[in-house]
Amino acid sequence: MERQEVDGLDLQRCLTSRYELYICLLYLASGEDMPKTGVQDLPRDRFLPLKPPVFMILIVLAEQDAHGYELARQIRERSEGKIRLETGPLYRHLKRLLADGLIVETHARPTTERDDERRRYYRVSRLGRSVLAAETQRLVRLIDRVQQLEGQS
C-alpha cells in the first residue's frame, strides 16, 4: 500500500486499528503534529519517570512558549543552577520530545525586535501536559511516602 497523508497524518498508520484511528483523529482535531513513534506507544505512563532536565523543559514550556536558549536560561534559573543544559544535550532532549509528541514546534513568534528568525519556538502538547501531570503526581506520592517513613522513625 502506498503511503498517503492527509493533513500530515500517515493514513496507513492510522487505519491499523480503531484505537489508532481515534488517536489520529484527536491529533487532526488538535492541529498538532502526530509523534513519529507508533501510536500504540502513546499512553503517558510509558514516559515515566522523567529525567530532571526533561521534567524542567516541560515545566517551562507549560507556562510559556520558548526557544532553546530561553529554555536553558529558565531551567538554570529555576533549578538554582543545579541543572545546566548545554546546547548539545538540550537539543537532543528537544529532538526526542518532538519525536515522542510531548512538545511541538510553534510557528507563532513574538513581535519584539529582539526576535531572531533562526530561532525555533517550542510549546508543550496535550500529551506533554498529561505526562507532566502524571510525573508530578508520581513525585508527590513519592514525597508523601518518604514523609510517612520519616514519621515512623
C-alpha atoms as a PDB file:
ATOM      1  CA  MET A   1       0.000   0.000   0.000  1.00  0.00           C
ATOM      2  CA  GLU A   2       1.368   3.382  -0.995  1.00  0.00           C
ATOM      3  CA  ARG A   3       1.769   5.842   1.887  1.00  0.00           C
ATOM      4  CA  GLN A   4      -0.873   8.548   1.871  1.00  0.00           C
ATOM      5  CA  GLU A   5      -1.005  11.578   4.112  1.00  0.00           C
ATOM      6  CA  VAL A   6      -3.919  13.825   4.978  1.00  0.00           C
ATOM      7  CA  ASP A   7      -3.034  16.997   6.888  1.00  0.00           C
ATOM      8  CA  GLY A   8       0.272  15.406   7.950  1.00  0.00           C
ATOM      9  CA  LEU A   9      -1.297  12.153   9.217  1.00  0.00           C
ATOM     10  CA  ASP A  10       0.022   8.875   7.843  1.00  0.00           C
ATOM     11  CA  LEU A  11      -3.173   7.071   6.850  1.00  0.00           C
ATOM     12  CA  GLN A  12      -1.551   3.625   6.789  1.00  0.00           C
ATOM     13  CA  ARG A  13      -0.588   4.069  10.454  1.00  0.00           C
ATOM     14  CA  CYS A  14      -3.998   5.469  11.361  1.00  0.00           C
ATOM     15  CA  LEU A  15      -6.040   2.689   9.815  1.00  0.00           C
ATOM     16  CA  THR A  16      -4.456  -0.313  11.537  1.00  0.00           C
ATOM     17  CA  SER A  17      -6.938  -0.289  14.439  1.00  0.00           C
ATOM     18  CA  ARG A  18      -9.912   1.668  15.763  1.00  0.00           C
ATOM     19  CA  TYR A  19      -7.832   2.895  18.696  1.00  0.00           C
ATOM     20  CA  GLU A  20      -5.108   4.220  16.409  1.00  0.00           C
ATOM     21  CA  LEU A  21      -7.723   5.821  14.163  1.00  0.00           C
ATOM     22  CA  TYR A  22      -9.211   7.522  17.233  1.00  0.00           C
ATOM     23  CA  ILE A  23      -5.773   8.826  18.278  1.00  0.00           C
ATOM     24  CA  CYS A  24      -5.119  10.074  14.739  1.00  0.00           C
ATOM     25  CA  LEU A  25      -8.447  11.912  14.734  1.00  0.00           C
ATOM     26  CA  LEU A  26      -7.578  13.534  18.074  1.00  0.00           C
ATOM     27  CA  TYR A  27      -4.300  14.805  16.622  1.00  0.00           C
ATOM     28  CA  LEU A  28      -6.056  16.009  13.494  1.00  0.00           C
ATOM     29  CA  ALA A  29      -8.655  17.897  15.570  1.00  0.00           C
ATOM     30  CA  SER A  30      -5.996  19.442  17.818  1.00  0.00           C
ATOM     31  CA  GLY A  31      -3.925  20.750  14.912  1.00  0.00           C
ATOM     32  CA  GLU A  32      -0.784  19.219  16.431  1.00  0.00           C
ATOM     33  CA  ASP A  33       1.633  17.024  14.503  1.00  0.00           C
ATOM     34  CA  MET A  34       1.482  13.325  15.275  1.00  0.00           C
ATOM     35  CA  PRO A  35       4.509  11.912  17.077  1.00  0.00           C
ATOM     36  CA  LYS A  36       6.968   9.944  14.971  1.00  0.00           C
ATOM     37  CA  THR A  37       6.715   6.910  17.276  1.00  0.00           C
ATOM     38  CA  GLY A  38       3.965   4.320  16.988  1.00  0.00           C
ATOM     39  CA  VAL A  39       0.502   5.382  18.048  1.00  0.00           C
ATOM     40  CA  GLN A  40       0.261   2.311  20.272  1.00  0.00           C
ATOM     41  CA  ASP A  41       3.028   3.813  22.414  1.00  0.00           C
ATOM     42  CA  LEU A  42       1.059   6.912  23.406  1.00  0.00           C
ATOM     43  CA  PRO A  43      -0.103   6.096  26.966  1.00  0.00           C
ATOM     44  CA  ARG A  44       1.548   8.666  29.204  1.00  0.00           C
ATOM     45  CA  ASP A  45       2.970   6.253  31.772  1.00  0.00           C
ATOM     46  CA  ARG A  46       5.419   4.838  29.249  1.00  0.00           C
ATOM     47  CA  PHE A  47       7.370   8.119  29.526  1.00  0.00           C
ATOM     48  CA  LEU A  48       7.765   7.899  33.309  1.00  0.00           C
ATOM     49  CA  PRO A  49       9.883   8.551  35.238  1.00  0.00           C
ATOM     50  CA  LEU A  50      11.126  11.697  33.513  1.00  0.00           C
ATOM     51  CA  LYS A  51      14.749  12.746  33.719  1.00  0.00           C
ATOM     52  CA  PRO A  52      15.147  16.031  35.654  1.00  0.00           C
ATOM     53  CA  PRO A  53      16.106  18.093  32.563  1.00  0.00           C
ATOM     54  CA  VAL A  54      13.092  16.770  30.638  1.00  0.00           C
ATOM     55  CA  PHE A  55      10.806  17.492  33.596  1.00  0.00           C
ATOM     56  CA  MET A  56      12.146  21.053  33.729  1.00  0.00           C
ATOM     57  CA  ILE A  57      11.752  21.543  29.952  1.00  0.00           C
ATOM     58  CA  LEU A  58       8.094  20.512  30.185  1.00  0.00           C
ATOM     59  CA  ILE A  59       7.509  22.787  33.197  1.00  0.00           C
ATOM     60  CA  VAL A  60       8.934  25.826  31.392  1.00  0.00           C
ATOM     61  CA  LEU A  61       7.019  25.080  28.185  1.00  0.00           C
ATOM     62  CA  ALA A  62       3.777  24.507  30.116  1.00  0.00           C
ATOM     63  CA  GLU A  63       3.999  28.126  31.241  1.00  0.00           C
ATOM     64  CA  GLN A  64       5.179  29.750  28.010  1.00  0.00           C
ATOM     65  CA  ASP A  65       6.464  29.038  24.517  1.00  0.00           C
ATOM     66  CA  ALA A  66      10.242  29.325  24.391  1.00  0.00           C
ATOM     67  CA  HIS A  67      13.268  28.850  22.157  1.00  0.00           C
ATOM     68  CA  GLY A  68      16.318  26.805  23.111  1.00  0.00           C
ATOM     69  CA  TYR A  69      18.451  29.494  24.699  1.00  0.00           C
ATOM     70  CA  GLU A  70      15.496  30.772  26.750  1.00  0.00           C
ATOM     71  CA  LEU A  71      14.721  27.216  27.894  1.00  0.00           C
ATOM     72  CA  ALA A  72      18.299  26.694  29.079  1.00  0.00           C
ATOM     73  CA  ARG A  73      18.279  30.051  30.898  1.00  0.00           C
ATOM     74  CA  GLN A  74      14.921  29.406  32.583  1.00  0.00           C
ATOM     75  CA  ILE A  75      15.940  25.898  33.672  1.00  0.00           C
ATOM     76  CA  ARG A  76      19.231  27.112  35.129  1.00  0.00           C
ATOM     77  CA  GLU A  77      17.396  29.896  36.980  1.00  0.00           C
ATOM     78  CA  ARG A  78      14.553  27.715  38.311  1.00  0.00           C
ATOM     79  CA  SER A  79      16.883  24.933  39.437  1.00  0.00           C
ATOM     80  CA  GLU A  80      19.124  27.466  41.202  1.00  0.00           C
ATOM     81  CA  GLY A  81      21.977  26.472  38.892  1.00  0.00           C
ATOM     82  CA  LYS A  82      21.729  22.741  39.645  1.00  0.00           C
ATOM     83  CA  ILE A  83      20.598  21.860  36.109  1.00  0.00           C
ATOM     84  CA  ARG A  84      22.725  23.466  33.419  1.00  0.00           C
ATOM     85  CA  LEU A  85      21.807  22.299  29.943  1.00  0.00           C
ATOM     86  CA  GLU A  86      24.486  22.866  27.355  1.00  0.00           C
ATOM     87  CA  THR A  87      23.477  23.219  23.702  1.00  0.00           C
ATOM     88  CA  GLY A  88      24.094  19.590  22.641  1.00  0.00           C
ATOM     89  CA  PRO A  89      22.159  17.860  25.431  1.00  0.00           C
ATOM     90  CA  LEU A  90      19.369  20.459  25.290  1.00  0.00           C
ATOM     91  CA  TYR A  91      18.733  19.925  21.585  1.00  0.00           C
ATOM     92  CA  ARG A  92      18.940  16.126  21.966  1.00  0.00           C
ATOM     93  CA  HIS A  93      16.203  16.352  24.615  1.00  0.00           C
ATOM     94  CA  LEU A  94      14.125  18.656  22.396  1.00  0.00           C
ATOM     95  CA  LYS A  95      14.523  16.332  19.400  1.00  0.00           C
ATOM     96  CA  ARG A  96      13.346  13.361  21.480  1.00  0.00           C
ATOM     97  CA  LEU A  97      10.430  15.313  22.988  1.00  0.00           C
ATOM     98  CA  LEU A  98       9.341  16.362  19.486  1.00  0.00           C
ATOM     99  CA  ALA A  99       9.581  12.790  18.183  1.00  0.00           C
ATOM    100  CA  ASP A 100       7.561  11.498  21.152  1.00  0.00           C
ATOM    101  CA  GLY A 101       4.880  14.152  20.687  1.00  0.00           C
ATOM    102  CA  LEU A 102       5.411  15.743  24.119  1.00  0.00           C
ATOM    103  CA  ILE A 103       6.244  19.116  22.586  1.00  0.00           C
ATOM    104  CA  VAL A 104       5.539  20.745  19.240  1.00  0.00           C
ATOM    105  CA  GLU A 105       7.320  23.425  17.294  1.00  0.00           C
ATOM    106  CA  THR A 106       5.157  26.509  17.115  1.00  0.00           C
ATOM    107  CA  HIS A 107       5.168  28.973  14.271  1.00  0.00           C
ATOM    108  CA  ALA A 108       3.839  31.786  16.452  1.00  0.00           C
ATOM    109  CA  ARG A 109       6.600  34.278  17.083  1.00  0.00           C
ATOM    110  CA  PRO A 110       6.987  37.180  19.462  1.00  0.00           C
ATOM    111  CA  THR A 111       6.559  40.571  17.872  1.00  0.00           C
ATOM    112  CA  THR A 112       9.576  42.059  19.610  1.00  0.00           C
ATOM    113  CA  GLU A 113      12.560  43.422  17.757  1.00  0.00           C
ATOM    114  CA  ARG A 114      14.786  41.062  19.748  1.00  0.00           C
ATOM    115  CA  ASP A 115      13.400  38.001  17.940  1.00  0.00           C
ATOM    116  CA  ASP A 116      15.749  36.167  15.596  1.00  0.00           C
ATOM    117  CA  GLU A 117      14.158  34.430  12.608  1.00  0.00           C
ATOM    118  CA  ARG A 118      16.540  31.462  13.047  1.00  0.00           C
ATOM    119  CA  ARG A 119      15.070  30.597  16.446  1.00  0.00           C
ATOM    120  CA  ARG A 120      12.677  27.708  16.804  1.00  0.00           C
ATOM    121  CA  TYR A 121       9.964  28.094  19.400  1.00  0.00           C
ATOM    122  CA  TYR A 122       8.502  25.139  21.263  1.00  0.00           C
ATOM    123  CA  ARG A 123       5.222  24.528  23.088  1.00  0.00           C
ATOM    124  CA  VAL A 124       4.121  21.639  25.292  1.00  0.00           C
ATOM    125  CA  SER A 125       1.488  19.417  23.617  1.00  0.00           C
ATOM    126  CA  ARG A 126      -1.620  17.955  25.250  1.00  0.00           C
ATOM    127  CA  LEU A 127       0.206  14.669  25.649  1.00  0.00           C
ATOM    128  CA  GLY A 128       3.136  16.568  27.171  1.00  0.00           C
ATOM    129  CA  ARG A 129       0.823  18.250  29.688  1.00  0.00           C
ATOM    130  CA  SER A 130      -0.642  14.868  30.557  1.00  0.00           C
ATOM    131  CA  VAL A 131       2.817  13.362  31.053  1.00  0.00           C
ATOM    132  CA  LEU A 132       3.881  16.371  33.142  1.00  0.00           C
ATOM    133  CA  ALA A 133       0.816  15.945  35.361  1.00  0.00           C
ATOM    134  CA  ALA A 134       1.479  12.206  35.736  1.00  0.00           C
ATOM    135  CA  GLU A 135       5.116  12.814  36.686  1.00  0.00           C
ATOM    136  CA  THR A 136       4.099  15.479  39.192  1.00  0.00           C
ATOM    137  CA  GLN A 137       1.600  13.077  40.770  1.00  0.00           C
ATOM    138  CA  ARG A 138       4.266  10.356  40.876  1.00  0.00           C
ATOM    139  CA  LEU A 139       6.701  12.670  42.650  1.00  0.00           C
ATOM    140  CA  VAL A 140       4.048  13.845  45.134  1.00  0.00           C
ATOM    141  CA  ARG A 141       3.277  10.194  46.015  1.00  0.00           C
ATOM    142  CA  LEU A 142       6.987   9.538  46.444  1.00  0.00           C
ATOM    143  CA  ILE A 143       7.406  12.549  48.746  1.00  0.00           C
ATOM    144  CA  ASP A 144       4.333  11.501  50.742  1.00  0.00           C
ATOM    145  CA  ARG A 145       5.822   8.026  51.188  1.00  0.00           C
ATOM    146  CA  VAL A 146       9.159   9.394  52.379  1.00  0.00           C
ATOM    147  CA  GLN A 147       7.379  11.684  54.850  1.00  0.00           C
ATOM    148  CA  GLN A 148       5.410   8.691  56.155  1.00  0.00           C
ATOM    149  CA  LEU A 149       8.652   6.763  56.649  1.00  0.00           C
ATOM    150  CA  GLU A 150      10.219   9.718  58.460  1.00  0.00           C
ATOM    151  CA  GLY A 151       7.198   9.872  60.765  1.00  0.00           C
ATOM    152  CA  GLN A 152       7.640   6.202  61.641  1.00  0.00           C
ATOM    153  CA  SER A 153      11.234   6.551  62.809  1.00  0.00           C
END
